[in-house]
Amino acid sequence: MNELIKQVEQWSIDKGLDNAESSKQFLKCSEELGEVAAALARNDMNALRDGIGDVVVTLIILAQQNGMDLHECLNCAYDEIKGRTGKMIDGVFVKSEDLQSE
């Protein structure tokens, strides 16, 4: 995985994407998320696999544009969720602090 991330980062440098505007990169992320949604709606596993990969690529570049890397961002997110409690409601995990008291 580390090697693939480095390859994506180098590809973005070669294309000049590493210094491009982050807001434009976020739009690209959003576009790719739409493709994931479409693949799920169509139950197209090949398109889903490609779409998830495209989302990861766009996120690697977005992190790079902001002086971060994917591992740093993932570690930060995991540190935040690792002790989280909550429950599944209709197939969605809802964290404890978002659950309404009854």
PDB file of N, CA and C in Angstrom:
ATOM      1  N   MET A   1       0.823  -1.191   0.000  1.00  0.00           N
ATOM      2  CA  MET A   1       0.000   0.000   0.000  1.00  0.00           C
ATOM      3  C   MET A   1       0.872   1.262   0.000  1.00  0.00           C
ATOM      4  N   ASN A   2       1.928   1.245   0.802  1.00  0.00           N
ATOM      5  CA  ASN A   2       2.814   2.408   0.839  1.00  0.00           C
ATOM      6  C   ASN A   2       3.386   2.735  -0.536  1.00  0.00           C
ATOM      7  N   GLU A   3       3.763   1.688  -1.261  1.00  0.00           N
ATOM      8  CA  GLU A   3       4.339   1.889  -2.592  1.00  0.00           C
ATOM      9  C   GLU A   3       3.307   2.481  -3.548  1.00  0.00           C
ATOM     10  N   LEU A   4       2.072   2.003  -3.480  1.00  0.00           N
ATOM     11  CA  LEU A   4       1.014   2.548  -4.336  1.00  0.00           C
ATOM     12  C   LEU A   4       0.762   4.024  -4.019  1.00  0.00           C
ATOM     13  N   ILE A   5       0.745   4.364  -2.750  1.00  0.00           N
ATOM     14  CA  ILE A   5       0.545   5.760  -2.361  1.00  0.00           C
ATOM     15  C   ILE A   5       1.663   6.619  -2.931  1.00  0.00           C
ATOM     16  N   LYS A   6       2.894   6.152  -2.813  1.00  0.00           N
ATOM     17  CA  LYS A   6       4.034   6.901  -3.356  1.00  0.00           C
ATOM     18  C   LYS A   6       3.912   7.049  -4.873  1.00  0.00           C
ATOM     19  N   GLN A   7       3.435   6.004  -5.538  1.00  0.00           N
ATOM     20  CA  GLN A   7       3.266   6.076  -6.991  1.00  0.00           C
ATOM     21  C   GLN A   7       2.206   7.106  -7.366  1.00  0.00           C
ATOM     22  N   VAL A   8       1.107   7.141  -6.621  1.00  0.00           N
ATOM     23  CA  VAL A   8       0.063   8.135  -6.884  1.00  0.00           C
ATOM     24  C   VAL A   8       0.609   9.541  -6.638  1.00  0.00           C
ATOM     25  N   GLU A   9       1.346   9.721  -5.535  1.00  0.00           N
ATOM     26  CA  GLU A   9       1.925  11.032  -5.240  1.00  0.00           C
ATOM     27  C   GLU A   9       2.891  11.468  -6.344  1.00  0.00           C
ATOM     28  N   GLN A  10       3.708  10.555  -6.836  1.00  0.00           N
ATOM     29  CA  GLN A  10       4.634  10.889  -7.919  1.00  0.00           C
ATOM     30  C   GLN A  10       3.875  11.213  -9.197  1.00  0.00           C
ATOM     31  N   TRP A  11       2.821  10.452  -9.476  1.00  0.00           N
ATOM     32  CA  TRP A  11       1.989  10.716 -10.657  1.00  0.00           C
ATOM     33  C   TRP A  11       1.414  12.124 -10.576  1.00  0.00           C
ATOM     34  N   SER A  12       0.955  12.509  -9.380  1.00  0.00           N
ATOM     35  CA  SER A  12       0.375  13.850  -9.229  1.00  0.00           C
ATOM     36  C   SER A  12       1.432  14.938  -9.404  1.00  0.00           C
ATOM     37  N   ILE A  13       2.649  14.670  -8.952  1.00  0.00           N
ATOM     38  CA  ILE A  13       3.756  15.618  -9.159  1.00  0.00           C
ATOM     39  C   ILE A  13       4.048  15.744 -10.651  1.00  0.00           C
ATOM     40  N   ASP A  14       4.118  14.598 -11.327  1.00  0.00           N
ATOM     41  CA  ASP A  14       4.398  14.600 -12.770  1.00  0.00           C
ATOM     42  C   ASP A  14       3.350  15.384 -13.554  1.00  0.00           C
ATOM     43  N   LYS A  15       2.104  15.364 -13.076  1.00  0.00           N
ATOM     44  CA  LYS A  15       1.006  16.060 -13.759  1.00  0.00           C
ATOM     45  C   LYS A  15       0.796  17.480 -13.242  1.00  0.00           C
ATOM     46  N   GLY A  16       1.537  17.880 -12.205  1.00  0.00           N
ATOM     47  CA  GLY A  16       1.380  19.206 -11.631  1.00  0.00           C
ATOM     48  C   GLY A  16       0.186  19.348 -10.701  1.00  0.00           C
ATOM     49  N   LEU A  17      -0.405  18.238 -10.350  1.00  0.00           N
ATOM     50  CA  LEU A  17      -1.579  18.270  -9.473  1.00  0.00           C
ATOM     51  C   LEU A  17      -1.218  18.562  -8.022  1.00  0.00           C
ATOM     52  N   ASP A  18       0.008  18.277  -7.644  1.00  0.00           N
ATOM     53  CA  ASP A  18       0.421  18.461  -6.249  1.00  0.00           C
ATOM     54  C   ASP A  18       0.367  19.925  -5.817  1.00  0.00           C
ATOM     55  N   ASN A  19       0.455  20.834  -6.782  1.00  0.00           N
ATOM     56  CA  ASN A  19       0.407  22.262  -6.470  1.00  0.00           C
ATOM     57  C   ASN A  19      -0.878  22.932  -6.951  1.00  0.00           C
ATOM     58  N   ALA A  20      -1.835  22.131  -7.383  1.00  0.00           N
ATOM     59  CA  ALA A  20      -3.099  22.689  -7.866  1.00  0.00           C
ATOM     60  C   ALA A  20      -3.971  23.116  -6.685  1.00  0.00           C
ATOM     61  N   GLU A  21      -5.042  23.790  -7.003  1.00  0.00           N
ATOM     62  CA  GLU A  21      -5.946  24.318  -5.986  1.00  0.00           C
ATOM     63  C   GLU A  21      -6.764  23.188  -5.334  1.00  0.00           C
ATOM     64  N   SER A  22      -6.726  23.143  -4.021  1.00  0.00           N
ATOM     65  CA  SER A  22      -7.391  22.071  -3.275  1.00  0.00           C
ATOM     66  C   SER A  22      -8.900  22.030  -3.488  1.00  0.00           C
ATOM     67  N   SER A  23      -9.508  23.194  -3.654  1.00  0.00           N
ATOM     68  CA  SER A  23     -10.964  23.191  -3.842  1.00  0.00           C
ATOM     69  C   SER A  23     -11.342  22.474  -5.135  1.00  0.00           C
ATOM     70  N   LYS A  24     -10.504  22.579  -6.135  1.00  0.00           N
ATOM     71  CA  LYS A  24     -10.759  21.859  -7.395  1.00  0.00           C
ATOM     72  C   LYS A  24     -10.580  20.358  -7.193  1.00  0.00           C
ATOM     73  N   GLN A  25      -9.597  19.990  -6.384  1.00  0.00           N
ATOM     74  CA  GLN A  25      -9.370  18.575  -6.102  1.00  0.00           C
ATOM     75  C   GLN A  25     -10.548  18.004  -5.320  1.00  0.00           C
ATOM     76  N   PHE A  26     -11.100  18.794  -4.397  1.00  0.00           N
ATOM     77  CA  PHE A  26     -12.264  18.334  -3.652  1.00  0.00           C
ATOM     78  C   PHE A  26     -13.446  18.101  -4.589  1.00  0.00           C
ATOM     79  N   LEU A  27     -13.607  18.956  -5.595  1.00  0.00           N
ATOM     80  CA  LEU A  27     -14.665  18.745  -6.585  1.00  0.00           C
ATOM     81  C   LEU A  27     -14.458  17.413  -7.307  1.00  0.00           C
ATOM     82  N   LYS A  28     -13.203  17.087  -7.592  1.00  0.00           N
ATOM     83  CA  LYS A  28     -12.899  15.803  -8.239  1.00  0.00           C
ATOM     84  C   LYS A  28     -13.262  14.650  -7.303  1.00  0.00           C
ATOM     85  N   CYS A  29     -12.953  14.801  -6.013  1.00  0.00           N
ATOM     86  CA  CYS A  29     -13.342  13.779  -5.022  1.00  0.00           C
ATOM     87  C   CYS A  29     -14.852  13.574  -5.049  1.00  0.00           C
ATOM     88  N   SER A  30     -15.586  14.676  -5.063  1.00  0.00           N
ATOM     89  CA  SER A  30     -17.047  14.605  -5.066  1.00  0.00           C
ATOM     90  C   SER A  30     -17.562  13.909  -6.320  1.00  0.00           C
ATOM     91  N   GLU A  31     -16.958  14.214  -7.440  1.00  0.00           N
ATOM     92  CA  GLU A  31     -17.338  13.559  -8.694  1.00  0.00           C
ATOM     93  C   GLU A  31     -17.145  12.044  -8.590  1.00  0.00           C
ATOM     94  N   GLU A  32     -16.003  11.647  -8.050  1.00  0.00           N
ATOM     95  CA  GLU A  32     -15.720  10.213  -7.916  1.00  0.00           C
ATOM     96  C   GLU A  32     -16.671   9.545  -6.922  1.00  0.00           C
ATOM     97  N   LEU A  33     -17.063  10.262  -5.865  1.00  0.00           N
ATOM     98  CA  LEU A  33     -18.046   9.727  -4.922  1.00  0.00           C
ATOM     99  C   LEU A  33     -19.375   9.472  -5.622  1.00  0.00           C
ATOM    100  N   GLY A  34     -19.728  10.362  -6.533  1.00  0.00           N
ATOM    101  CA  GLY A  34     -20.943  10.165  -7.325  1.00  0.00           C
ATOM    102  C   GLY A  34     -20.874   8.889  -8.151  1.00  0.00           C
ATOM    103  N   GLU A  35     -19.692   8.589  -8.665  1.00  0.00           N
ATOM    104  CA  GLU A  35     -19.523   7.353  -9.439  1.00  0.00           C
ATOM    105  C   GLU A  35     -19.660   6.127  -8.545  1.00  0.00           C
ATOM    106  N   VAL A  36     -19.207   6.225  -7.295  1.00  0.00           N
ATOM    107  CA  VAL A  36     -19.390   5.133  -6.335  1.00  0.00           C
ATOM    108  C   VAL A  36     -20.882   4.927  -6.083  1.00  0.00           C
ATOM    109  N   ALA A  37     -21.602   6.024  -5.885  1.00  0.00           N
ATOM    110  CA  ALA A  37     -23.043   5.932  -5.656  1.00  0.00           C
ATOM    111  C   ALA A  37     -23.749   5.277  -6.844  1.00  0.00           C
ATOM    112  N   ALA A  38     -23.362   5.665  -8.041  1.00  0.00           N
ATOM    113  CA  ALA A  38     -23.967   5.087  -9.241  1.00  0.00           C
ATOM    114  C   ALA A  38     -23.680   3.594  -9.332  1.00  0.00           C
ATOM    115  N   ALA A  39     -22.460   3.199  -9.008  1.00  0.00           N
ATOM    116  CA  ALA A  39     -22.095   1.777  -9.049  1.00  0.00           C
ATOM    117  C   ALA A  39     -22.909   0.987  -8.027  1.00  0.00           C
ATOM    118  N   LEU A  40     -23.090   1.542  -6.845  1.00  0.00           N
ATOM    119  CA  LEU A  40     -23.912   0.873  -5.829  1.00  0.00           C
ATOM    120  C   LEU A  40     -25.357   0.757  -6.294  1.00  0.00           C
ATOM    121  N   ALA A  41     -25.885   1.811  -6.881  1.00  0.00           N
ATOM    122  CA  ALA A  41     -27.266   1.805  -7.356  1.00  0.00           C
ATOM    123  C   ALA A  41     -27.481   0.752  -8.436  1.00  0.00           C
ATOM    124  N   ARG A  42     -26.444   0.510  -9.218  1.00  0.00           N
ATOM    125  CA  ARG A  42     -26.545  -0.457 -10.323  1.00  0.00           C
ATOM    126  C   ARG A  42     -26.023  -1.841  -9.944  1.00  0.00           C
ATOM    127  N   ASN A  43     -25.557  -1.957  -8.698  1.00  0.00           N
ATOM    128  CA  ASN A  43     -24.960  -3.210  -8.230  1.00  0.00           C
ATOM    129  C   ASN A  43     -23.842  -3.673  -9.171  1.00  0.00           C
ATOM    130  N   ASP A  44     -23.039  -2.722  -9.629  1.00  0.00           N
ATOM    131  CA  ASP A  44     -21.939  -2.981 -10.556  1.00  0.00           C
ATOM    132  C   ASP A  44     -20.635  -3.038  -9.755  1.00  0.00           C
ATOM    133  N   MET A  45     -20.216  -4.237  -9.404  1.00  0.00           N
ATOM    134  CA  MET A  45     -19.056  -4.407  -8.533  1.00  0.00           C
ATOM    135  C   MET A  45     -17.751  -3.960  -9.186  1.00  0.00           C
ATOM    136  N   ASN A  46     -17.619  -4.114 -10.503  1.00  0.00           N
ATOM    137  CA  ASN A  46     -16.403  -3.636 -11.175  1.00  0.00           C
ATOM    138  C   ASN A  46     -16.311  -2.116 -11.128  1.00  0.00           C
ATOM    139  N   ALA A  47     -17.424  -1.448 -11.390  1.00  0.00           N
ATOM    140  CA  ALA A  47     -17.445   0.014 -11.315  1.00  0.00           C
ATOM    141  C   ALA A  47     -17.253   0.484  -9.881  1.00  0.00           C
ATOM    142  N   LEU A  48     -17.785  -0.265  -8.927  1.00  0.00           N
ATOM    143  CA  LEU A  48     -17.616   0.088  -7.516  1.00  0.00           C
ATOM    144  C   LEU A  48     -16.148   0.013  -7.121  1.00  0.00           C
ATOM    145  N   ARG A  49     -15.483  -1.058  -7.507  1.00  0.00           N
ATOM    146  CA  ARG A  49     -14.054  -1.233  -7.210  1.00  0.00           C
ATOM    147  C   ARG A  49     -13.246  -0.079  -7.803  1.00  0.00           C
ATOM    148  N   ASP A  50     -13.526   0.250  -9.063  1.00  0.00           N
ATOM    149  CA  ASP A  50     -12.834   1.349  -9.731  1.00  0.00           C
ATOM    150  C   ASP A  50     -13.149   2.679  -9.054  1.00  0.00           C
ATOM    151  N   GLY A  51     -14.405   2.885  -8.711  1.00  0.00           N
ATOM    152  CA  GLY A  51     -14.815   4.132  -8.072  1.00  0.00           C
ATOM    153  C   GLY A  51     -14.170   4.336  -6.713  1.00  0.00           C
ATOM    154  N   ILE A  52     -14.121   3.283  -5.920  1.00  0.00           N
ATOM    155  CA  ILE A  52     -13.472   3.386  -4.604  1.00  0.00           C
ATOM    156  C   ILE A  52     -11.995   3.719  -4.796  1.00  0.00           C
ATOM    157  N   GLY A  53     -11.359   3.065  -5.745  1.00  0.00           N
ATOM    158  CA  GLY A  53      -9.953   3.364  -6.033  1.00  0.00           C
ATOM    159  C   GLY A  53      -9.766   4.803  -6.464  1.00  0.00           C
ATOM    160  N   ASP A  54     -10.665   5.306  -7.307  1.00  0.00           N
ATOM    161  CA  ASP A  54     -10.576   6.693  -7.764  1.00  0.00           C
ATOM    162  C   ASP A  54     -10.741   7.667  -6.601  1.00  0.00           C
ATOM    163  N   VAL A  55     -11.652   7.354  -5.677  1.00  0.00           N
ATOM    164  CA  VAL A  55     -11.840   8.214  -4.506  1.00  0.00           C
ATOM    165  C   VAL A  55     -10.555   8.261  -3.685  1.00  0.00           C
ATOM    166  N   VAL A  56      -9.932   7.099  -3.477  1.00  0.00           N
ATOM    167  CA  VAL A  56      -8.691   7.059  -2.702  1.00  0.00           C
ATOM    168  C   VAL A  56      -7.604   7.875  -3.396  1.00  0.00           C
ATOM    169  N   VAL A  57      -7.491   7.745  -4.704  1.00  0.00           N
ATOM    170  CA  VAL A  57      -6.496   8.526  -5.454  1.00  0.00           C
ATOM    171  C   VAL A  57      -6.725  10.020  -5.255  1.00  0.00           C
ATOM    172  N   THR A  58      -7.979  10.457  -5.377  1.00  0.00           N
ATOM    173  CA  THR A  58      -8.255  11.885  -5.228  1.00  0.00           C
ATOM    174  C   THR A  58      -7.971  12.362  -3.805  1.00  0.00           C
ATOM    175  N   LEU A  59      -8.193  11.511  -2.814  1.00  0.00           N
ATOM    176  CA  LEU A  59      -7.910  11.881  -1.424  1.00  0.00           C
ATOM    177  C   LEU A  59      -6.411  11.928  -1.149  1.00  0.00           C
ATOM    178  N   ILE A  60      -5.659  11.014  -1.749  1.00  0.00           N
ATOM    179  CA  ILE A  60      -4.192  11.053  -1.611  1.00  0.00           C
ATOM    180  C   ILE A  60      -3.673  12.388  -2.135  1.00  0.00           C
ATOM    181  N   ILE A  61      -4.179  12.807  -3.284  1.00  0.00           N
ATOM    182  CA  ILE A  61      -3.719  14.060  -3.890  1.00  0.00           C
ATOM    183  C   ILE A  61      -4.181  15.261  -3.068  1.00  0.00           C
ATOM    184  N   LEU A  62      -5.407  15.228  -2.561  1.00  0.00           N
ATOM    185  CA  LEU A  62      -5.899  16.322  -1.723  1.00  0.00           C
ATOM    186  C   LEU A  62      -5.036  16.481  -0.472  1.00  0.00           C
ATOM    187  N   ALA A  63      -4.702  15.367   0.156  1.00  0.00           N
ATOM    188  CA  ALA A  63      -3.816  15.422   1.324  1.00  0.00           C
ATOM    189  C   ALA A  63      -2.454  15.997   0.931  1.00  0.00           C
ATOM    190  N   GLN A  64      -1.895  15.505  -0.178  1.00  0.00           N
ATOM    191  CA  GLN A  64      -0.596  15.967  -0.651  1.00  0.00           C
ATOM    192  C   GLN A  64      -0.596  17.470  -0.903  1.00  0.00           C
ATOM    193  N   GLN A  65      -1.659  17.977  -1.494  1.00  0.00           N
ATOM    194  CA  GLN A  65      -1.747  19.409  -1.789  1.00  0.00           C
ATOM    195  C   GLN A  65      -1.715  20.255  -0.515  1.00  0.00           C
ATOM    196  N   ASN A  66      -2.047  19.644   0.600  1.00  0.00           N
ATOM    197  CA  ASN A  66      -2.116  20.361   1.867  1.00  0.00           C
ATOM    198  C   ASN A  66      -1.014  19.957   2.834  1.00  0.00           C
ATOM    199  N   GLY A  67       0.060  19.363   2.290  1.00  0.00           N
ATOM    200  CA  GLY A  67       1.222  19.017   3.100  1.00  0.00           C
ATOM    201  C   GLY A  67       0.979  17.862   4.052  1.00  0.00           C
ATOM    202  N   MET A  68       0.029  17.011   3.719  1.00  0.00           N
ATOM    203  CA  MET A  68      -0.295  15.838   4.549  1.00  0.00           C
ATOM    204  C   MET A  68      -0.107  14.591   3.713  1.00  0.00           C
ATOM    205  N   ASP A  69      -0.247  13.440   4.371  1.00  0.00           N
ATOM    206  CA  ASP A  69      -0.278  12.195   3.617  1.00  0.00           C
ATOM    207  C   ASP A  69      -1.435  11.344   4.112  1.00  0.00           C
ATOM    208  N   LEU A  70      -1.779  10.350   3.325  1.00  0.00           N
ATOM    209  CA  LEU A  70      -2.934   9.505   3.616  1.00  0.00           C
ATOM    210  C   LEU A  70      -2.812   8.822   4.965  1.00  0.00           C
ATOM    211  N   HIS A  71      -1.629   8.347   5.302  1.00  0.00           N
ATOM    212  CA  HIS A  71      -1.433   7.660   6.586  1.00  0.00           C
ATOM    213  C   HIS A  71      -1.712   8.596   7.757  1.00  0.00           C
ATOM    214  N   GLU A  72      -1.205   9.811   7.662  1.00  0.00           N
ATOM    215  CA  GLU A  72      -1.426  10.808   8.708  1.00  0.00           C
ATOM    216  C   GLU A  72      -2.923  11.057   8.905  1.00  0.00           C
ATOM    217  N   CYS A  73      -3.642  11.242   7.815  1.00  0.00           N
ATOM    218  CA  CYS A  73      -5.078  11.512   7.887  1.00  0.00           C
ATOM    219  C   CYS A  73      -5.846  10.303   8.428  1.00  0.00           C
ATOM    220  N   LEU A  74      -5.473   9.118   7.972  1.00  0.00           N
ATOM    221  CA  LEU A  74      -6.136   7.903   8.433  1.00  0.00           C
ATOM    222  C   LEU A  74      -5.867   7.653   9.912  1.00  0.00           C
ATOM    223  N   ASN A  75      -4.639   7.881  10.353  1.00  0.00           N
ATOM    224  CA  ASN A  75      -4.315   7.743  11.780  1.00  0.00           C
ATOM    225  C   ASN A  75      -5.118   8.715  12.621  1.00  0.00           C
ATOM    226  N   CYS A  76      -5.248   9.930  12.161  1.00  0.00           N
ATOM    227  CA  CYS A  76      -6.022  10.941  12.883  1.00  0.00           C
ATOM    228  C   CYS A  76      -7.482  10.493  13.013  1.00  0.00           C
ATOM    229  N   ALA A  77      -8.047  10.021  11.923  1.00  0.00           N
ATOM    230  CA  ALA A  77      -9.445   9.569  11.948  1.00  0.00           C
ATOM    231  C   ALA A  77      -9.611   8.351  12.850  1.00  0.00           C
ATOM    232  N   TYR A  78      -8.678   7.407  12.770  1.00  0.00           N
ATOM    233  CA  TYR A  78      -8.788   6.211  13.607  1.00  0.00           C
ATOM    234  C   TYR A  78      -8.669   6.557  15.089  1.00  0.00           C
ATOM    235  N   ASP A  79      -7.751   7.464  15.426  1.00  0.00           N
ATOM    236  CA  ASP A  79      -7.623   7.888  16.823  1.00  0.00           C
ATOM    237  C   ASP A  79      -8.937   8.454  17.347  1.00  0.00           C
ATOM    238  N   GLU A  80      -9.661   9.111  16.470  1.00  0.00           N
ATOM    239  CA  GLU A  80     -10.946   9.700  16.866  1.00  0.00           C
ATOM    240  C   GLU A  80     -12.037   8.648  17.048  1.00  0.00           C
ATOM    241  N   ILE A  81     -12.033   7.599  16.230  1.00  0.00           N
ATOM    242  CA  ILE A  81     -13.134   6.622  16.276  1.00  0.00           C
ATOM    243  C   ILE A  81     -12.856   5.380  17.105  1.00  0.00           C
ATOM    244  N   LYS A  82     -11.595   5.110  17.436  1.00  0.00           N
ATOM    245  CA  LYS A  82     -11.252   3.815  18.029  1.00  0.00           C
ATOM    246  C   LYS A  82     -11.993   3.506  19.322  1.00  0.00           C
ATOM    247  N   GLY A  83     -12.352   4.502  20.091  1.00  0.00           N
ATOM    248  CA  GLY A  83     -13.080   4.256  21.327  1.00  0.00           C
ATOM    249  C   GLY A  83     -14.545   4.649  21.252  1.00  0.00           C
ATOM    250  N   ARG A  84     -15.006   4.951  20.057  1.00  0.00           N
ATOM    251  CA  ARG A  84     -16.372   5.448  19.878  1.00  0.00           C
ATOM    252  C   ARG A  84     -17.389   4.352  20.185  1.00  0.00           C
ATOM    253  N   THR A  85     -18.441   4.755  20.827  1.00  0.00           N
ATOM    254  CA  THR A  85     -19.555   3.840  21.093  1.00  0.00           C
ATOM    255  C   THR A  85     -20.778   4.357  20.363  1.00  0.00           C
ATOM    256  N   GLY A  86     -21.737   3.473  20.184  1.00  0.00           N
ATOM    257  CA  GLY A  86     -22.979   3.814  19.506  1.00  0.00           C
ATOM    258  C   GLY A  86     -23.710   2.545  19.150  1.00  0.00           C
ATOM    259  N   LYS A  87     -24.622   2.659  18.202  1.00  0.00           N
ATOM    260  CA  LYS A  87     -25.357   1.466  17.781  1.00  0.00           C
ATOM    261  C   LYS A  87     -25.792   1.601  16.335  1.00  0.00           C
ATOM    262  N   MET A  88     -26.105   0.465  15.762  1.00  0.00           N
ATOM    263  CA  MET A  88     -26.593   0.421  14.387  1.00  0.00           C
ATOM    264  C   MET A  88     -28.086   0.731  14.388  1.00  0.00           C
ATOM    265  N   ILE A  89     -28.478   1.659  13.531  1.00  0.00           N
ATOM    266  CA  ILE A  89     -29.885   1.978  13.342  1.00  0.00           C
ATOM    267  C   ILE A  89     -30.160   1.963  11.846  1.00  0.00           C
ATOM    268  N   ASP A  90     -31.006   1.054  11.421  1.00  0.00           N
ATOM    269  CA  ASP A  90     -31.348   0.909   9.994  1.00  0.00           C
ATOM    270  C   ASP A  90     -30.108   0.784   9.115  1.00  0.00           C
ATOM    271  N   GLY A  91     -29.123   0.028   9.600  1.00  0.00           N
ATOM    272  CA  GLY A  91     -27.921  -0.234   8.822  1.00  0.00           C
ATOM    273  C   GLY A  91     -26.882   0.875   8.866  1.00  0.00           C
ATOM    274  N   VAL A  92     -27.071   1.882   9.717  1.00  0.00           N
ATOM    275  CA  VAL A  92     -26.137   2.997   9.835  1.00  0.00           C
ATOM    276  C   VAL A  92     -25.655   3.072  11.280  1.00  0.00           C
ATOM    277  N   PHE A  93     -24.328   3.170  11.480  1.00  0.00           N
ATOM    278  CA  PHE A  93     -23.786   3.317  12.826  1.00  0.00           C
ATOM    279  C   PHE A  93     -23.994   4.761  13.266  1.00  0.00           C
ATOM    280  N   VAL A  94     -24.667   4.916  14.415  1.00  0.00           N
ATOM    281  CA  VAL A  94     -24.898   6.247  14.990  1.00  0.00           C
ATOM    282  C   VAL A  94     -24.106   6.328  16.276  1.00  0.00           C
ATOM    283  N   LYS A  95     -23.208   7.322  16.358  1.00  0.00           N
ATOM    284  CA  LYS A  95     -22.379   7.435  17.558  1.00  0.00           C
ATOM    285  C   LYS A  95     -23.232   7.863  18.747  1.00  0.00           C
ATOM    286  N   SER A  96     -22.794   7.464  19.920  1.00  0.00           N
ATOM    287  CA  SER A  96     -23.555   7.685  21.151  1.00  0.00           C
ATOM    288  C   SER A  96     -23.983   9.127  21.326  1.00  0.00           C
ATOM    289  N   GLU A  97     -23.088  10.060  21.099  1.00  0.00           N
ATOM    290  CA  GLU A  97     -23.429  11.461  21.334  1.00  0.00           C
ATOM    291  C   GLU A  97     -24.490  11.990  20.378  1.00  0.00           C
ATOM    292  N   ASP A  98     -24.741  11.268  19.281  1.00  0.00           N
ATOM    293  CA  ASP A  98     -25.786  11.683  18.341  1.00  0.00           C
ATOM    294  C   ASP A  98     -27.116  10.989  18.591  1.00  0.00           C
ATOM    295  N   LEU A  99     -27.117  10.025  19.507  1.00  0.00           N
ATOM    296  CA  LEU A  99     -28.362   9.338  19.835  1.00  0.00           C
ATOM    297  C   LEU A  99     -29.201  10.237  20.746  1.00  0.00           C
ATOM    298  N   GLN A 100     -30.469  10.350  20.433  1.00  0.00           N
ATOM    299  CA  GLN A 100     -31.354  11.182  21.245  1.00  0.00           C
ATOM    300  C   GLN A 100     -31.845  10.365  22.441  1.00  0.00           C
ATOM    301  N   SER A 101     -31.910  11.022  23.574  1.00  0.00           N
ATOM    302  CA  SER A 101     -32.451  10.364  24.770  1.00  0.00           C
ATOM    303  C   SER A 101     -33.956  10.240  24.604  1.00  0.00           C
ATOM    304  N   GLU A 102     -34.428   9.120  25.040  1.00  0.00           N
ATOM    305  CA  GLU A 102     -35.871   8.917  24.949  1.00  0.00           C
ATOM    306  C   GLU A 102     -36.495   8.971  26.289  1.00  0.00           C
TER     307      GLU A 102
END
